[in-house]
C-alpha atoms as a PDB file:
ATOM      1  CA  MET A   1     148.269  57.101 239.108  1.00  0.00           C
ATOM      2  CA  GLN A   2     150.827  54.847 237.417  1.00  0.00           C
ATOM      3  CA  LYS A   3     153.385  55.357 240.206  1.00  0.00           C
ATOM      4  CA  LYS A   4     156.210  55.847 237.762  1.00  0.00           C
ATOM      5  CA  MET A   5     157.429  59.355 238.610  1.00  0.00           C
ATOM      6  CA  ALA A   6     160.502  58.000 240.411  1.00  0.00           C
ATOM      7  CA  ASP A   7     161.271  55.760 237.416  1.00  0.00           C
ATOM      8  CA  TYR A   8     160.982  58.655 234.971  1.00  0.00           C
ATOM      9  CA  LEU A   9     163.214  60.899 237.053  1.00  0.00           C
ATOM     10  CA  ARG A  10     165.747  58.083 237.478  1.00  0.00           C
ATOM     11  CA  CYS A  11     165.912  57.723 233.687  1.00  0.00           C
ATOM     12  CA  LEU A  12     166.512  61.463 233.416  1.00  0.00           C
ATOM     13  CA  ILE A  13     169.259  61.494 236.017  1.00  0.00           C
ATOM     14  CA  ILE A  14     171.043  58.563 234.359  1.00  0.00           C
ATOM     15  CA  GLN A  15     171.404  60.586 231.144  1.00  0.00           C
ATOM     16  CA  ARG A  16     173.286  63.588 232.553  1.00  0.00           C
ATOM     17  CA  ASP A  17     174.696  64.524 229.164  1.00  0.00           C
ATOM     18  CA  LEU A  18     171.171  65.290 227.920  1.00  0.00           C
ATOM     19  CA  LEU A  19     170.311  67.159 231.096  1.00  0.00           C
ATOM     20  CA  SER A  20     173.270  69.492 230.696  1.00  0.00           C
ATOM     21  CA  GLU A  21     171.420  71.168 227.818  1.00  0.00           C
ATOM     22  CA  PHE A  22     168.515  72.151 230.052  1.00  0.00           C
ATOM     23  CA  TYR A  23     170.056  72.486 233.521  1.00  0.00           C
ATOM     24  CA  GLU A  24     173.016  74.431 234.837  1.00  0.00           C
ATOM     25  CA  TYR A  25     175.872  72.485 236.407  1.00  0.00           C
ATOM     26  CA  HIS A  26     174.817  73.370 239.979  1.00  0.00           C
ATOM     27  CA  ALA A  27     171.129  72.469 239.517  1.00  0.00           C
ATOM     28  CA  LEU A  28     169.618  69.802 241.752  1.00  0.00           C
ATOM     29  CA  MET A  29     169.075  67.410 238.831  1.00  0.00           C
ATOM     30  CA  MET A  30     172.786  67.595 237.969  1.00  0.00           C
ATOM     31  CA  GLU A  31     174.061  67.076 241.515  1.00  0.00           C
ATOM     32  CA  GLU A  32     174.345  63.792 243.409  1.00  0.00           C
ATOM     33  CA  GLU A  33     171.424  64.848 245.614  1.00  0.00           C
ATOM     34  CA  GLY A  34     169.142  64.327 242.615  1.00  0.00           C
ATOM     35  CA  ALA A  35     169.666  60.567 242.929  1.00  0.00           C
ATOM     36  CA  VAL A  36     168.822  60.764 246.630  1.00  0.00           C
ATOM     37  CA  ILE A  37     165.575  62.603 245.877  1.00  0.00           C
ATOM     38  CA  VAL A  38     164.653  60.004 243.264  1.00  0.00           C
ATOM     39  CA  GLY A  39     165.203  57.316 245.903  1.00  0.00           C
ATOM     40  CA  LEU A  40     162.912  59.169 248.287  1.00  0.00           C
ATOM     41  CA  LEU A  41     160.217  59.465 245.620  1.00  0.00           C
ATOM     42  CA  VAL A  42     159.964  55.672 245.491  1.00  0.00           C
ATOM     43  CA  GLY A  43     158.265  55.913 248.884  1.00  0.00           C
ATOM     44  CA  LEU A  44     155.336  57.687 247.214  1.00  0.00           C
ATOM     45  CA  ASN A  45     154.389  54.376 245.584  1.00  0.00           C
ATOM     46  CA  VAL A  46     152.782  53.365 248.874  1.00  0.00           C
ATOM     47  CA  ILE A  47     150.165  56.102 248.578  1.00  0.00           C
ATOM     48  CA  ASP A  48     147.108  55.288 246.504  1.00  0.00           C
ATOM     49  CA  ALA A  49     145.071  58.143 245.073  1.00  0.00           C
ATOM     50  CA  ASN A  50     141.870  57.507 243.149  1.00  0.00           C
ATOM     51  CA  LEU A  51     140.316  60.598 241.657  1.00  0.00           C
ATOM     52  CA  CYS A  52     136.964  60.583 239.930  1.00  0.00           C
ATOM     53  CA  VAL A  53     136.731  63.436 237.444  1.00  0.00           C
ATOM     54  CA  LYS A  54     133.433  62.602 235.788  1.00  0.00           C
ATOM     55  CA  GLY A  55     130.374  64.829 235.750  1.00  0.00           C
ATOM     56  CA  GLU A  56     128.569  65.550 238.986  1.00  0.00           C
ATOM     57  CA  ASP A  57     131.190  63.959 241.221  1.00  0.00           C
ATOM     58  CA  LEU A  58     133.199  67.168 241.065  1.00  0.00           C
ATOM     59  CA  ASP A  59     130.308  69.189 242.485  1.00  0.00           C
ATOM     60  CA  SER A  60     129.896  67.149 245.655  1.00  0.00           C
ATOM     61  CA  GLN A  61     132.149  66.865 248.666  1.00  0.00           C
ATOM     62  CA  VAL A  62     134.405  63.837 248.763  1.00  0.00           C
ATOM     63  CA  GLY A  63     134.147  61.574 251.788  1.00  0.00           C
ATOM     64  CA  VAL A  64     136.852  61.618 254.424  1.00  0.00           C
ATOM     65  CA  ILE A  65     139.636  59.079 253.990  1.00  0.00           C
ATOM     66  CA  ASP A  66     140.637  57.465 257.256  1.00  0.00           C
ATOM     67  CA  PHE A  67     144.422  57.233 257.497  1.00  0.00           C
ATOM     68  CA  SER A  68     144.392  56.399 261.202  1.00  0.00           C
ATOM     69  CA  MET A  69     145.550  52.835 260.633  1.00  0.00           C
ATOM     70  CA  TYR A  70     148.781  54.198 259.103  1.00  0.00           C
ATOM     71  CA  LEU A  71     149.494  56.611 261.945  1.00  0.00           C
ATOM     72  CA  LYS A  72     151.260  55.519 265.097  1.00  0.00           C
ATOM     73  CA  ASN A  73     150.243  56.682 268.512  1.00  0.00           C
ATOM     74  CA  GLU A  74     151.377  55.689 271.986  1.00  0.00           C
ATOM     75  CA  GLU A  75     148.919  52.791 272.192  1.00  0.00           C
ATOM     76  CA  ASP A  76     150.164  51.252 268.935  1.00  0.00           C
ATOM     77  CA  ILE A  77     153.848  51.319 269.840  1.00  0.00           C
ATOM     78  CA  GLY A  78     153.484  48.171 271.940  1.00  0.00           C
ATOM     79  CA  ASN A  79     151.095  46.514 269.490  1.00  0.00           C
ATOM     80  CA  LYS A  80     153.577  44.545 267.378  1.00  0.00           C
ATOM     81  CA  GLU A  81     150.974  42.152 266.012  1.00  0.00           C
ATOM     82  CA  ARG A  82     149.083  44.934 264.257  1.00  0.00           C
ATOM     83  CA  ASN A  83     152.333  46.337 262.853  1.00  0.00           C
ATOM     84  CA  VAL A  84     153.202  42.899 261.514  1.00  0.00           C
ATOM     85  CA  GLN A  85     149.775  42.635 259.887  1.00  0.00           C
ATOM     86  CA  ILE A  86     150.131  46.048 258.252  1.00  0.00           C
ATOM     87  CA  ALA A  87     153.591  45.121 257.005  1.00  0.00           C
ATOM     88  CA  ALA A  88     152.231  41.876 255.545  1.00  0.00           C
ATOM     89  CA  ILE A  89     149.405  43.752 253.819  1.00  0.00           C
ATOM     90  CA  LEU A  90     151.845  46.275 252.356  1.00  0.00           C
ATOM     91  CA  ASP A  91     154.099  43.446 251.176  1.00  0.00           C
ATOM     92  CA  GLN A  92     151.133  41.783 249.466  1.00  0.00           C
ATOM     93  CA  LYS A  93     150.143  45.090 247.870  1.00  0.00           C
ATOM     94  CA  ASN A  94     153.679  45.637 246.572  1.00  0.00           C
ATOM     95  CA  TYR A  95     153.766  42.100 245.213  1.00  0.00           C
ATOM     96  CA  VAL A  96     150.459  42.557 243.386  1.00  0.00           C
ATOM     97  CA  GLU A  97     151.607  45.901 241.936  1.00  0.00           C
ATOM     98  CA  GLU A  98     154.878  44.380 240.715  1.00  0.00           C
ATOM     99  CA  LEU A  99     152.998  41.444 239.227  1.00  0.00           C
ATOM    100  CA  ASN A 100     150.673  43.912 237.507  1.00  0.00           C
ATOM    101  CA  ARG A 101     153.665  45.799 236.062  1.00  0.00           C
ATOM    102  CA  GLN A 102     155.140  42.566 234.743  1.00  0.00           C
ATOM    103  CA  LEU A 103     151.825  41.533 233.209  1.00  0.00           C
ATOM    104  CA  ASN A 104     151.448  44.950 231.578  1.00  0.00           C
ATOM    105  CA  SER A 105     154.901  44.648 230.032  1.00  0.00           C
ATOM    106  CA  THR A 106     154.056  41.126 228.824  1.00  0.00           C
ATOM    107  CA  VAL A 107     150.820  42.364 227.287  1.00  0.00           C
ATOM    108  CA  SER A 108     152.594  45.219 225.520  1.00  0.00           C
ATOM    109  CA  SER A 109     155.276  42.885 224.147  1.00  0.00           C
ATOM    110  CA  LEU A 110     152.584  40.478 222.945  1.00  0.00           C
ATOM    111  CA  HIS A 111     150.736  43.362 221.282  1.00  0.00           C
ATOM    112  CA  SER A 112     153.888  44.377 219.440  1.00  0.00           C
ATOM    113  CA  ARG A 113     154.480  40.775 218.422  1.00  0.00           C
ATOM    114  CA  VAL A 114     150.903  40.475 217.112  1.00  0.00           C
ATOM    115  CA  ASP A 115     151.376  43.703 215.146  1.00  0.00           C
ATOM    116  CA  SER A 116     154.597  42.455 213.579  1.00  0.00           C
ATOM    117  CA  LEU A 117     152.984  39.109 212.726  1.00  0.00           C
ATOM    118  CA  GLU A 118     150.027  40.887 211.130  1.00  0.00           C
ATOM    119  CA  LYS A 119     152.403  42.990 209.032  1.00  0.00           C
ATOM    120  CA  SER A 120     154.356  39.938 207.904  1.00  0.00           C
ATOM    121  CA  ASN A 121     151.082  38.144 207.162  1.00  0.00           C
ATOM    122  CA  THR A 122     149.861  40.981 204.936  1.00  0.00           C
ATOM    123  CA  LYS A 123     153.220  41.023 203.139  1.00  0.00           C
ATOM    124  CA  LEU A 124     152.978  37.303 202.499  1.00  0.00           C
ATOM    125  CA  ILE A 125     149.410  37.660 201.222  1.00  0.00           C
ATOM    126  CA  GLU A 126     150.528  40.435 198.863  1.00  0.00           C
ATOM    127  CA  GLU A 127     153.405  38.297 197.614  1.00  0.00           C
ATOM    128  CA  VAL A 128     151.076  35.350 196.955  1.00  0.00           C
ATOM    129  CA  LEU A 129     148.657  37.517 194.994  1.00  0.00           C
END
């Protein structure tokens, strides 16, 4: 849901010295192909999956998701305008997701700053008393 699997695996592959404890030298994670697979996993960020796991929703059948606009057939090969529109929509989606990631990191840094300021404030209050 967070679309961070490729990021997590990239962090693992970067630290090969730690991986050598858990993987043999010929394992996929230890080889150069591991970096290629991590690069391919970035493509999964395009796929959105929303799962509702509350109550009665699990007992009913989920509606069909129409992926036809993402599939190419012979009629769409010549339709460049539609392909350009889809590319623009995907670019906008990627931009919004990146902006969301940046805002989430800003929020988390501000939360940590607020926590540190609250701690220093309580220390100062204790010192005054």
